[in-house]
Amino acid sequence: TMYEVMFTDYPDIVNVAQVQSMLKISRHLAYELIGDGYIPGMKIG
């Protein structure tokens, strides 16, 4: 239900800039959250 309601303007797979925009956080914090595993993601290239 939350998936259908939250962040509807974003695609199913997002990049760091989009995470920043979604959460209204800095680039540094977005990379930190992803790197520390708080927001799981994968590095491609």
ModelCIF file with pLDDT and N, C-alpha, C, O atoms, coordinates in Angstrom:
data_MODEL
#
_entry.id   MODEL 
#
_entity.id                         1 
_entity.type                       polymer 
_entity.pdbx_number_of_molecules   1 
#
_entity_poly.entity_id                      1 
_entity_poly.type                           'polypeptide(L)' 
_entity_poly.nstd_linkage                   no 
_entity_poly.nstd_monomer                   no 
_entity_poly.pdbx_seq_one_letter_code       TMYEVMFTDYPDIVNVAQVQSMLKISRHLAYELIGDGYIPGMKIG 
_entity_poly.pdbx_seq_one_letter_code_can   TMYEVMFTDYPDIVNVAQVQSMLKISRHLAYELIGDGYIPGMKIG 
_entity_poly.pdbx_strand_id                 A 
#
loop_
_entity_poly_seq.entity_id 
_entity_poly_seq.num 
_entity_poly_seq.mon_id 
_entity_poly_seq.hetero 
1 1  THR n 
1 2  MET n 
1 3  TYR n 
1 4  GLU n 
1 5  VAL n 
1 6  MET n 
1 7  PHE n 
1 8  THR n 
1 9  ASP n 
1 10 TYR n 
1 11 PRO n 
1 12 ASP n 
1 13 ILE n 
1 14 VAL n 
1 15 ASN n 
1 16 VAL n 
1 17 ALA n 
1 18 GLN n 
1 19 VAL n 
1 20 GLN n 
1 21 SER n 
1 22 MET n 
1 23 LEU n 
1 24 LYS n 
1 25 ILE n 
1 26 SER n 
1 27 ARG n 
1 28 HIS n 
1 29 LEU n 
1 30 ALA n 
1 31 TYR n 
1 32 GLU n 
1 33 LEU n 
1 34 ILE n 
1 35 GLY n 
1 36 ASP n 
1 37 GLY n 
1 38 TYR n 
1 39 ILE n 
1 40 PRO n 
1 41 GLY n 
1 42 MET n 
1 43 LYS n 
1 44 ILE n 
1 45 GLY n 
#
_struct_asym.id          A 
_struct_asym.entity_id   1 
#
loop_
_ma_qa_metric.id 
_ma_qa_metric.mode 
_ma_qa_metric.name 
_ma_qa_metric.software_group_id 
_ma_qa_metric.type 
1 global pLDDT . pLDDT 
2 local  pLDDT . pLDDT 
#
_ma_qa_metric_global.metric_id      1 
_ma_qa_metric_global.metric_value   95.38 
_ma_qa_metric_global.model_id       1 
_ma_qa_metric_global.ordinal_id     1 
#
loop_
_ma_qa_metric_local.label_asym_id 
_ma_qa_metric_local.label_comp_id 
_ma_qa_metric_local.label_seq_id 
_ma_qa_metric_local.metric_id 
_ma_qa_metric_local.metric_value 
_ma_qa_metric_local.model_id 
_ma_qa_metric_local.ordinal_id 
A THR 1  2 89.00 1 1  
A MET 2  2 87.00 1 2  
A TYR 3  2 90.00 1 3  
A GLU 4  2 90.00 1 4  
A VAL 5  2 91.00 1 5  
A MET 6  2 93.00 1 6  
A PHE 7  2 94.00 1 7  
A THR 8  2 94.00 1 8  
A ASP 9  2 96.00 1 9  
A TYR 10 2 97.00 1 10 
A PRO 11 2 97.00 1 11 
A ASP 12 2 96.00 1 12 
A ILE 13 2 97.00 1 13 
A VAL 14 2 98.00 1 14 
A ASN 15 2 98.00 1 15 
A VAL 16 2 98.00 1 16 
A ALA 17 2 98.00 1 17 
A GLN 18 2 98.00 1 18 
A VAL 19 2 97.00 1 19 
A GLN 20 2 97.00 1 20 
A SER 21 2 97.00 1 21 
A MET 22 2 96.00 1 22 
A LEU 23 2 95.00 1 23 
A LYS 24 2 95.00 1 24 
A ILE 25 2 95.00 1 25 
A SER 26 2 96.00 1 26 
A ARG 27 2 97.00 1 27 
A HIS 28 2 97.00 1 28 
A LEU 29 2 96.00 1 29 
A ALA 30 2 97.00 1 30 
A TYR 31 2 96.00 1 31 
A GLU 32 2 96.00 1 32 
A LEU 33 2 96.00 1 33 
A ILE 34 2 97.00 1 34 
A GLY 35 2 94.00 1 35 
A ASP 36 2 95.00 1 36 
A GLY 37 2 95.00 1 37 
A TYR 38 2 95.00 1 38 
A ILE 39 2 97.00 1 39 
A PRO 40 2 97.00 1 40 
A GLY 41 2 97.00 1 41 
A MET 42 2 96.00 1 42 
A LYS 43 2 95.00 1 43 
A ILE 44 2 95.00 1 44 
A GLY 45 2 95.00 1 45 
#
loop_
_atom_site.group_PDB 
_atom_site.id 
_atom_site.type_symbol 
_atom_site.label_atom_id 
_atom_site.label_alt_id 
_atom_site.label_comp_id 
_atom_site.label_asym_id 
_atom_site.label_entity_id 
_atom_site.label_seq_id 
_atom_site.pdbx_PDB_ins_code 
_atom_site.Cartn_x 
_atom_site.Cartn_y 
_atom_site.Cartn_z 
_atom_site.occupancy 
_atom_site.B_iso_or_equiv 
_atom_site.pdbx_formal_charge 
_atom_site.auth_seq_id 
_atom_site.auth_comp_id 
_atom_site.auth_asym_id 
_atom_site.auth_atom_id 
_atom_site.pdbx_PDB_model_num 
ATOM 1   N N  . THR A 1 1  ? 0.834  -1.203 0.000   1.00 89.00 ? 1  THR A N  1 
ATOM 2   C CA . THR A 1 1  ? 0.000  0.000  0.000   1.00 89.00 ? 1  THR A CA 1 
ATOM 3   C C  . THR A 1 1  ? 0.868  1.252  0.000   1.00 89.00 ? 1  THR A C  1 
ATOM 4   O O  . THR A 1 1  ? 0.599  2.195  -0.743  1.00 89.00 ? 1  THR A O  1 
ATOM 5   N N  . MET A 1 2  ? 1.907  1.264  0.828   1.00 87.00 ? 2  MET A N  1 
ATOM 6   C CA . MET A 1 2  ? 2.793  2.430  0.880   1.00 87.00 ? 2  MET A CA 1 
ATOM 7   C C  . MET A 1 2  ? 3.527  2.611  -0.444  1.00 87.00 ? 2  MET A C  1 
ATOM 8   O O  . MET A 1 2  ? 3.767  3.741  -0.870  1.00 87.00 ? 2  MET A O  1 
ATOM 9   N N  . TYR A 1 3  ? 3.886  1.502  -1.100  1.00 90.00 ? 3  TYR A N  1 
ATOM 10  C CA . TYR A 1 3  ? 4.568  1.573  -2.388  1.00 90.00 ? 3  TYR A CA 1 
ATOM 11  C C  . TYR A 1 3  ? 3.684  2.246  -3.436  1.00 90.00 ? 3  TYR A C  1 
ATOM 12  O O  . TYR A 1 3  ? 4.168  2.984  -4.294  1.00 90.00 ? 3  TYR A O  1 
ATOM 13  N N  . GLU A 1 4  ? 2.402  1.982  -3.353  1.00 90.00 ? 4  GLU A N  1 
ATOM 14  C CA . GLU A 1 4  ? 1.464  2.564  -4.311  1.00 90.00 ? 4  GLU A CA 1 
ATOM 15  C C  . GLU A 1 4  ? 1.188  4.040  -4.033  1.00 90.00 ? 4  GLU A C  1 
ATOM 16  O O  . GLU A 1 4  ? 0.698  4.755  -4.908  1.00 90.00 ? 4  GLU A O  1 
ATOM 17  N N  . VAL A 1 5  ? 1.497  4.499  -2.821  1.00 91.00 ? 5  VAL A N  1 
ATOM 18  C CA . VAL A 1 5  ? 1.181  5.869  -2.421  1.00 91.00 ? 5  VAL A CA 1 
ATOM 19  C C  . VAL A 1 5  ? 2.415  6.774  -2.389  1.00 91.00 ? 5  VAL A C  1 
ATOM 20  O O  . VAL A 1 5  ? 2.336  7.942  -2.771  1.00 91.00 ? 5  VAL A O  1 
ATOM 21  N N  . MET A 1 6  ? 3.531  6.251  -1.941  1.00 93.00 ? 6  MET A N  1 
ATOM 22  C CA . MET A 1 6  ? 4.730  7.069  -1.748  1.00 93.00 ? 6  MET A CA 1 
ATOM 23  C C  . MET A 1 6  ? 5.591  7.145  -3.013  1.00 93.00 ? 6  MET A C  1 
ATOM 24  O O  . MET A 1 6  ? 5.763  6.150  -3.717  1.00 93.00 ? 6  MET A O  1 
ATOM 25  N N  . PHE A 1 7  ? 6.113  8.301  -3.284  1.00 94.00 ? 7  PHE A N  1 
ATOM 26  C CA . PHE A 1 7  ? 7.084  8.527  -4.359  1.00 94.00 ? 7  PHE A CA 1 
ATOM 27  C C  . PHE A 1 7  ? 6.587  8.005  -5.715  1.00 94.00 ? 7  PHE A C  1 
ATOM 28  O O  . PHE A 1 7  ? 7.329  7.348  -6.445  1.00 94.00 ? 7  PHE A O  1 
ATOM 29  N N  . THR A 1 8  ? 5.361  8.296  -6.029  1.00 94.00 ? 8  THR A N  1 
ATOM 30  C CA . THR A 1 8  ? 4.765  7.779  -7.269  1.00 94.00 ? 8  THR A CA 1 
ATOM 31  C C  . THR A 1 8  ? 5.392  8.376  -8.533  1.00 94.00 ? 8  THR A C  1 
ATOM 32  O O  . THR A 1 8  ? 5.269  7.797  -9.613  1.00 94.00 ? 8  THR A O  1 
ATOM 33  N N  . ASP A 1 9  ? 6.057  9.515  -8.411  1.00 96.00 ? 9  ASP A N  1 
ATOM 34  C CA . ASP A 1 9  ? 6.673  10.153 -9.574  1.00 96.00 ? 9  ASP A CA 1 
ATOM 35  C C  . ASP A 1 9  ? 8.043  9.582  -9.913  1.00 96.00 ? 9  ASP A C  1 
ATOM 36  O O  . ASP A 1 9  ? 8.672  10.016 -10.877 1.00 96.00 ? 9  ASP A O  1 
ATOM 37  N N  . TYR A 1 10 ? 8.509  8.617  -9.132  1.00 97.00 ? 10 TYR A N  1 
ATOM 38  C CA . TYR A 1 10 ? 9.838  8.048  -9.334  1.00 97.00 ? 10 TYR A CA 1 
ATOM 39  C C  . TYR A 1 10 ? 9.745  6.640  -9.909  1.00 97.00 ? 10 TYR A C  1 
ATOM 40  O O  . TYR A 1 10 ? 8.772  5.929  -9.659  1.00 97.00 ? 10 TYR A O  1 
ATOM 41  N N  . PRO A 1 11 ? 10.763 6.232  -10.688 1.00 97.00 ? 11 PRO A N  1 
ATOM 42  C CA . PRO A 1 11 ? 10.760 4.875  -11.247 1.00 97.00 ? 11 PRO A CA 1 
ATOM 43  C C  . PRO A 1 11 ? 11.031 3.819  -10.159 1.00 97.00 ? 11 PRO A C  1 
ATOM 44  O O  . PRO A 1 11 ? 11.361 4.159  -9.023  1.00 97.00 ? 11 PRO A O  1 
ATOM 45  N N  . ASP A 1 12 ? 10.889 2.556  -10.518 1.00 96.00 ? 12 ASP A N  1 
ATOM 46  C CA . ASP A 1 12 ? 11.087 1.461  -9.562  1.00 96.00 ? 12 ASP A CA 1 
ATOM 47  C C  . ASP A 1 12 ? 12.536 1.351  -9.092  1.00 96.00 ? 12 ASP A C  1 
ATOM 48  O O  . ASP A 1 12 ? 12.796 0.924  -7.967  1.00 96.00 ? 12 ASP A O  1 
ATOM 49  N N  . ILE A 1 13 ? 13.469 1.732  -9.945  1.00 97.00 ? 13 ILE A N  1 
ATOM 50  C CA . ILE A 1 13 ? 14.897 1.741  -9.603  1.00 97.00 ? 13 ILE A CA 1 
ATOM 51  C C  . ILE A 1 13 ? 15.375 3.182  -9.728  1.00 97.00 ? 13 ILE A C  1 
ATOM 52  O O  . ILE A 1 13 ? 15.221 3.806  -10.778 1.00 97.00 ? 13 ILE A O  1 
ATOM 53  N N  . VAL A 1 14 ? 15.960 3.710  -8.644  1.00 98.00 ? 14 VAL A N  1 
ATOM 54  C CA . VAL A 1 14 ? 16.376 5.115  -8.635  1.00 98.00 ? 14 VAL A CA 1 
ATOM 55  C C  . VAL A 1 14 ? 17.885 5.234  -8.485  1.00 98.00 ? 14 VAL A C  1 
ATOM 56  O O  . VAL A 1 14 ? 18.565 4.278  -8.114  1.00 98.00 ? 14 VAL A O  1 
ATOM 57  N N  . ASN A 1 15 ? 18.397 6.425  -8.779  1.00 98.00 ? 15 ASN A N  1 
ATOM 58  C CA . ASN A 1 15 ? 19.817 6.701  -8.591  1.00 98.00 ? 15 ASN A CA 1 
ATOM 59  C C  . ASN A 1 15 ? 20.005 7.575  -7.342  1.00 98.00 ? 15 ASN A C  1 
ATOM 60  O O  . ASN A 1 15 ? 19.035 7.928  -6.671  1.00 98.00 ? 15 ASN A O  1 
ATOM 61  N N  . VAL A 1 16 ? 21.234 7.907  -7.050  1.00 98.00 ? 16 VAL A N  1 
ATOM 62  C CA . VAL A 1 16 ? 21.530 8.662  -5.831  1.00 98.00 ? 16 VAL A CA 1 
ATOM 63  C C  . VAL A 1 16 ? 20.873 10.042 -5.848  1.00 98.00 ? 16 VAL A C  1 
ATOM 64  O O  . VAL A 1 16 ? 20.355 10.491 -4.826  1.00 98.00 ? 16 VAL A O  1 
ATOM 65  N N  . ALA A 1 17 ? 20.888 10.706 -6.974  1.00 98.00 ? 17 ALA A N  1 
ATOM 66  C CA . ALA A 1 17 ? 20.260 12.032 -7.063  1.00 98.00 ? 17 ALA A CA 1 
ATOM 67  C C  . ALA A 1 17 ? 18.764 11.941 -6.765  1.00 98.00 ? 17 ALA A C  1 
ATOM 68  O O  . ALA A 1 17 ? 18.201 12.828 -6.123  1.00 98.00 ? 17 ALA A O  1 
ATOM 69  N N  . GLN A 1 18 ? 18.136 10.889 -7.222  1.00 98.00 ? 18 GLN A N  1 
ATOM 70  C CA . GLN A 1 18 ? 16.712 10.720 -6.952  1.00 98.00 ? 18 GLN A CA 1 
ATOM 71  C C  . GLN A 1 18 ? 16.462 10.399 -5.476  1.00 98.00 ? 18 GLN A C  1 
ATOM 72  O O  . GLN A 1 18 ? 15.476 10.861 -4.903  1.00 98.00 ? 18 GLN A O  1 
ATOM 73  N N  . VAL A 1 19 ? 17.347 9.614  -4.859  1.00 97.00 ? 19 VAL A N  1 
ATOM 74  C CA . VAL A 1 19 ? 17.232 9.353  -3.418  1.00 97.00 ? 19 VAL A CA 1 
ATOM 75  C C  . VAL A 1 19 ? 17.329 10.665 -2.657  1.00 97.00 ? 19 VAL A C  1 
ATOM 76  O O  . VAL A 1 19 ? 16.567 10.900 -1.719  1.00 97.00 ? 19 VAL A O  1 
ATOM 77  N N  . GLN A 1 20 ? 18.261 11.517 -3.057  1.00 97.00 ? 20 GLN A N  1 
ATOM 78  C CA . GLN A 1 20 ? 18.391 12.841 -2.436  1.00 97.00 ? 20 GLN A CA 1 
ATOM 79  C C  . GLN A 1 20 ? 17.082 13.609 -2.514  1.00 97.00 ? 20 GLN A C  1 
ATOM 80  O O  . GLN A 1 20 ? 16.617 14.175 -1.525  1.00 97.00 ? 20 GLN A O  1 
ATOM 81  N N  . SER A 1 21 ? 16.504 13.617 -3.687  1.00 97.00 ? 21 SER A N  1 
ATOM 82  C CA . SER A 1 21 ? 15.268 14.358 -3.908  1.00 97.00 ? 21 SER A CA 1 
ATOM 83  C C  . SER A 1 21 ? 14.108 13.752 -3.119  1.00 97.00 ? 21 SER A C  1 
ATOM 84  O O  . SER A 1 21 ? 13.303 14.481 -2.541  1.00 97.00 ? 21 SER A O  1 
ATOM 85  N N  . MET A 1 22 ? 14.024 12.450 -3.094  1.00 96.00 ? 22 MET A N  1 
ATOM 86  C CA . MET A 1 22 ? 12.934 11.766 -2.397  1.00 96.00 ? 22 MET A CA 1 
ATOM 87  C C  . MET A 1 22 ? 12.961 12.066 -0.909  1.00 96.00 ? 22 MET A C  1 
ATOM 88  O O  . MET A 1 22 ? 11.924 12.337 -0.303  1.00 96.00 ? 22 MET A O  1 
ATOM 89  N N  . LEU A 1 23 ? 14.159 12.015 -0.317  1.00 95.00 ? 23 LEU A N  1 
ATOM 90  C CA . LEU A 1 23 ? 14.293 12.164 1.134   1.00 95.00 ? 23 LEU A CA 1 
ATOM 91  C C  . LEU A 1 23 ? 14.676 13.575 1.560   1.00 95.00 ? 23 LEU A C  1 
ATOM 92  O O  . LEU A 1 23 ? 14.751 13.865 2.754   1.00 95.00 ? 23 LEU A O  1 
ATOM 93  N N  . LYS A 1 24 ? 14.918 14.453 0.592   1.00 95.00 ? 24 LYS A N  1 
ATOM 94  C CA . LYS A 1 24 ? 15.325 15.840 0.883   1.00 95.00 ? 24 LYS A CA 1 
ATOM 95  C C  . LYS A 1 24 ? 16.591 15.860 1.751   1.00 95.00 ? 24 LYS A C  1 
ATOM 96  O O  . LYS A 1 24 ? 16.640 16.503 2.799   1.00 95.00 ? 24 LYS A O  1 
ATOM 97  N N  . ILE A 1 25 ? 17.621 15.125 1.271   1.00 95.00 ? 25 ILE A N  1 
ATOM 98  C CA . ILE A 1 25 ? 18.882 15.029 2.002   1.00 95.00 ? 25 ILE A CA 1 
ATOM 99  C C  . ILE A 1 25 ? 20.027 15.435 1.080   1.00 95.00 ? 25 ILE A C  1 
ATOM 100 O O  . ILE A 1 25 ? 19.849 15.583 -0.129  1.00 95.00 ? 25 ILE A O  1 
ATOM 101 N N  . SER A 1 26 ? 21.193 15.609 1.667   1.00 96.00 ? 26 SER A N  1 
ATOM 102 C CA . SER A 1 26 ? 22.363 15.985 0.884   1.00 96.00 ? 26 SER A CA 1 
ATOM 103 C C  . SER A 1 26 ? 22.920 14.783 0.123   1.00 96.00 ? 26 SER A C  1 
ATOM 104 O O  . SER A 1 26 ? 22.620 13.632 0.438   1.00 96.00 ? 26 SER A O  1 
ATOM 105 N N  . ARG A 1 27 ? 23.721 15.074 -0.863  1.00 97.00 ? 27 ARG A N  1 
ATOM 106 C CA . ARG A 1 27 ? 24.382 14.024 -1.644  1.00 97.00 ? 27 ARG A CA 1 
ATOM 107 C C  . ARG A 1 27 ? 25.268 13.178 -0.749  1.00 97.00 ? 27 ARG A C  1 
ATOM 108 O O  . ARG A 1 27 ? 25.285 11.952 -0.853  1.00 97.00 ? 27 ARG A O  1 
ATOM 109 N N  . HIS A 1 28 ? 25.999 13.838 0.125   1.00 97.00 ? 28 HIS A N  1 
ATOM 110 C CA . HIS A 1 28 ? 26.894 13.134 1.047   1.00 97.00 ? 28 HIS A CA 1 
ATOM 111 C C  . HIS A 1 28 ? 26.118 12.148 1.926   1.00 97.00 ? 28 HIS A C  1 
ATOM 112 O O  . HIS A 1 28 ? 26.529 10.998 2.081   1.00 97.00 ? 28 HIS A O  1 
ATOM 113 N N  . LEU A 1 29 ? 25.008 12.592 2.495   1.00 96.00 ? 29 LEU A N  1 
ATOM 114 C CA . LEU A 1 29 ? 24.209 11.726 3.355   1.00 96.00 ? 29 LEU A CA 1 
ATOM 115 C C  . LEU A 1 29 ? 23.602 10.574 2.554   1.00 96.00 ? 29 LEU A C  1 
ATOM 116 O O  . LEU A 1 29 ? 23.532 9.451  3.054   1.00 96.00 ? 29 LEU A O  1 
ATOM 117 N N  . ALA A 1 30 ? 23.167 10.829 1.334   1.00 97.00 ? 30 ALA A N  1 
ATOM 118 C CA . ALA A 1 30 ? 22.610 9.760  0.496   1.00 97.00 ? 30 ALA A CA 1 
ATOM 119 C C  . ALA A 1 30 ? 23.654 8.673  0.274   1.00 97.00 ? 30 ALA A C  1 
ATOM 120 O O  . ALA A 1 30 ? 23.359 7.489  0.437   1.00 97.00 ? 30 ALA A O  1 
ATOM 121 N N  . TYR A 1 31 ? 24.871 9.062  -0.097  1.00 96.00 ? 31 TYR A N  1 
ATOM 122 C CA . TYR A 1 31 ? 25.944 8.080  -0.289  1.00 96.00 ? 31 TYR A CA 1 
ATOM 123 C C  . TYR A 1 31 ? 26.273 7.348  1.014   1.00 96.00 ? 31 TYR A C  1 
ATOM 124 O O  . TYR A 1 31 ? 26.545 6.147  1.001   1.00 96.00 ? 31 TYR A O  1 
ATOM 125 N N  . GLU A 1 32 ? 26.249 8.062  2.121   1.00 96.00 ? 32 GLU A N  1 
ATOM 126 C CA . GLU A 1 32 ? 26.535 7.445  3.412   1.00 96.00 ? 32 GLU A CA 1 
ATOM 127 C C  . GLU A 1 32 ? 25.472 6.391  3.771   1.00 96.00 ? 32 GLU A C  1 
ATOM 128 O O  . GLU A 1 32 ? 25.813 5.287  4.196   1.00 96.00 ? 32 GLU A O  1 
ATOM 129 N N  . LEU A 1 33 ? 24.202 6.730  3.601   1.00 96.00 ? 33 LEU A N  1 
ATOM 130 C CA . LEU A 1 33 ? 23.114 5.795  3.909   1.00 96.00 ? 33 LEU A CA 1 
ATOM 131 C C  . LEU A 1 33 ? 23.174 4.556  3.024   1.00 96.00 ? 33 LEU A C  1 
ATOM 132 O O  . LEU A 1 33 ? 22.921 3.443  3.487   1.00 96.00 ? 33 LEU A O  1 
ATOM 133 N N  . ILE A 1 34 ? 23.505 4.747  1.770   1.00 97.00 ? 34 ILE A N  1 
ATOM 134 C CA . ILE A 1 34 ? 23.607 3.615  0.844   1.00 97.00 ? 34 ILE A CA 1 
ATOM 135 C C  . ILE A 1 34 ? 24.855 2.784  1.162   1.00 97.00 ? 34 ILE A C  1 
ATOM 136 O O  . ILE A 1 34 ? 24.790 1.557  1.235   1.00 97.00 ? 34 ILE A O  1 
ATOM 137 N N  . GLY A 1 35 ? 25.972 3.456  1.347   1.00 94.00 ? 35 GLY A N  1 
ATOM 138 C CA . GLY A 1 35 ? 27.231 2.763  1.638   1.00 94.00 ? 35 GLY A CA 1 
ATOM 139 C C  . GLY A 1 35 ? 27.205 1.986  2.940   1.00 94.00 ? 35 GLY A C  1 
ATOM 140 O O  . GLY A 1 35 ? 27.796 0.910  3.037   1.00 94.00 ? 35 GLY A O  1 
ATOM 141 N N  . ASP A 1 36 ? 26.524 2.524  3.942   1.00 95.00 ? 36 ASP A N  1 
ATOM 142 C CA . ASP A 1 36 ? 26.435 1.859  5.246   1.00 95.00 ? 36 ASP A CA 1 
ATOM 143 C C  . ASP A 1 36 ? 25.341 0.801  5.296   1.00 95.00 ? 36 ASP A C  1 
ATOM 144 O O  . ASP A 1 36 ? 25.207 0.094  6.295   1.00 95.00 ? 36 ASP A O  1 
ATOM 145 N N  . GLY A 1 37 ? 24.560 0.686  4.227   1.00 95.00 ? 37 GLY A N  1 
ATOM 146 C CA . GLY A 1 37 ? 23.539 -0.353 4.155   1.00 95.00 ? 37 GLY A CA 1 
ATOM 147 C C  . GLY A 1 37 ? 22.193 0.009  4.751   1.00 95.00 ? 37 GLY A C  1 
ATOM 148 O O  . GLY A 1 37 ? 21.307 -0.842 4.829   1.00 95.00 ? 37 GLY A O  1 
ATOM 149 N N  . TYR A 1 38 ? 22.021 1.247  5.172   1.00 95.00 ? 38 TYR A N  1 
ATOM 150 C CA . TYR A 1 38 ? 20.709 1.662  5.680   1.00 95.00 ? 38 TYR A CA 1 
ATOM 151 C C  . TYR A 1 38 ? 19.672 1.665  4.557   1.00 95.00 ? 38 TYR A C  1 
ATOM 152 O O  . TYR A 1 38 ? 18.500 1.357  4.773   1.00 95.00 ? 38 TYR A O  1 
ATOM 153 N N  . ILE A 1 39 ? 20.125 2.017  3.365   1.00 97.00 ? 39 ILE A N  1 
ATOM 154 C CA . ILE A 1 39 ? 19.292 1.925  2.172   1.00 97.00 ? 39 ILE A CA 1 
ATOM 155 C C  . ILE A 1 39 ? 20.036 0.989  1.219   1.00 97.00 ? 39 ILE A C  1 
ATOM 156 O O  . ILE A 1 39 ? 20.975 1.408  0.542   1.00 97.00 ? 39 ILE A O  1 
ATOM 157 N N  . PRO A 1 40 ? 19.619 -0.273 1.166   1.00 97.00 ? 40 PRO A N  1 
ATOM 158 C CA . PRO A 1 40 ? 20.325 -1.226 0.298   1.00 97.00 ? 40 PRO A CA 1 
ATOM 159 C C  . PRO A 1 40 ? 20.203 -0.865 -1.176  1.00 97.00 ? 40 PRO A C  1 
ATOM 160 O O  . PRO A 1 40 ? 19.128 -0.526 -1.670  1.00 97.00 ? 40 PRO A O  1 
ATOM 161 N N  . GLY A 1 41 ? 21.325 -0.946 -1.853  1.00 97.00 ? 41 GLY A N  1 
ATOM 162 C CA . GLY A 1 41 ? 21.370 -0.697 -3.280  1.00 97.00 ? 41 GLY A CA 1 
ATOM 163 C C  . GLY A 1 41 ? 22.502 -1.498 -3.881  1.00 97.00 ? 41 GLY A C  1 
ATOM 164 O O  . GLY A 1 41 ? 23.190 -2.227 -3.167  1.00 97.00 ? 41 GLY A O  1 
ATOM 165 N N  . MET A 1 42 ? 22.708 -1.375 -5.176  1.00 96.00 ? 42 MET A N  1 
ATOM 166 C CA . MET A 1 42 ? 23.792 -2.090 -5.820  1.00 96.00 ? 42 MET A CA 1 
ATOM 167 C C  . MET A 1 42 ? 24.584 -1.127 -6.686  1.00 96.00 ? 42 MET A C  1 
ATOM 168 O O  . MET A 1 42 ? 24.043 -0.193 -7.278  1.00 96.00 ? 42 MET A O  1 
ATOM 169 N N  . LYS A 1 43 ? 25.871 -1.383 -6.740  1.00 95.00 ? 43 LYS A N  1 
ATOM 170 C CA . LYS A 1 43 ? 26.720 -0.540 -7.568  1.00 95.00 ? 43 LYS A CA 1 
ATOM 171 C C  . LYS A 1 43 ? 26.905 -1.236 -8.903  1.00 95.00 ? 43 LYS A C  1 
ATOM 172 O O  . LYS A 1 43 ? 27.369 -2.375 -8.967  1.00 95.00 ? 43 LYS A O  1 
ATOM 173 N N  . ILE A 1 44 ? 26.542 -0.547 -9.952  1.00 95.00 ? 44 ILE A N  1 
ATOM 174 C CA . ILE A 1 44 ? 26.695 -1.058 -11.304 1.00 95.00 ? 44 ILE A CA 1 
ATOM 175 C C  . ILE A 1 44 ? 27.646 -0.116 -12.019 1.00 95.00 ? 44 ILE A C  1 
ATOM 176 O O  . ILE A 1 44 ? 27.310 1.036  -12.295 1.00 95.00 ? 44 ILE A O  1 
ATOM 177 N N  . GLY A 1 45 ? 28.824 -0.614 -12.312 1.00 95.00 ? 45 GLY A N  1 
ATOM 178 C CA . GLY A 1 45 ? 29.872 0.247  -12.857 1.00 95.00 ? 45 GLY A CA 1 
ATOM 179 C C  . GLY A 1 45 ? 30.296 1.221  -11.773 1.00 95.00 ? 45 GLY A C  1 
ATOM 180 O O  . GLY A 1 45 ? 31.174 2.053  -11.999 1.00 95.00 ? 45 GLY A O  1 
#
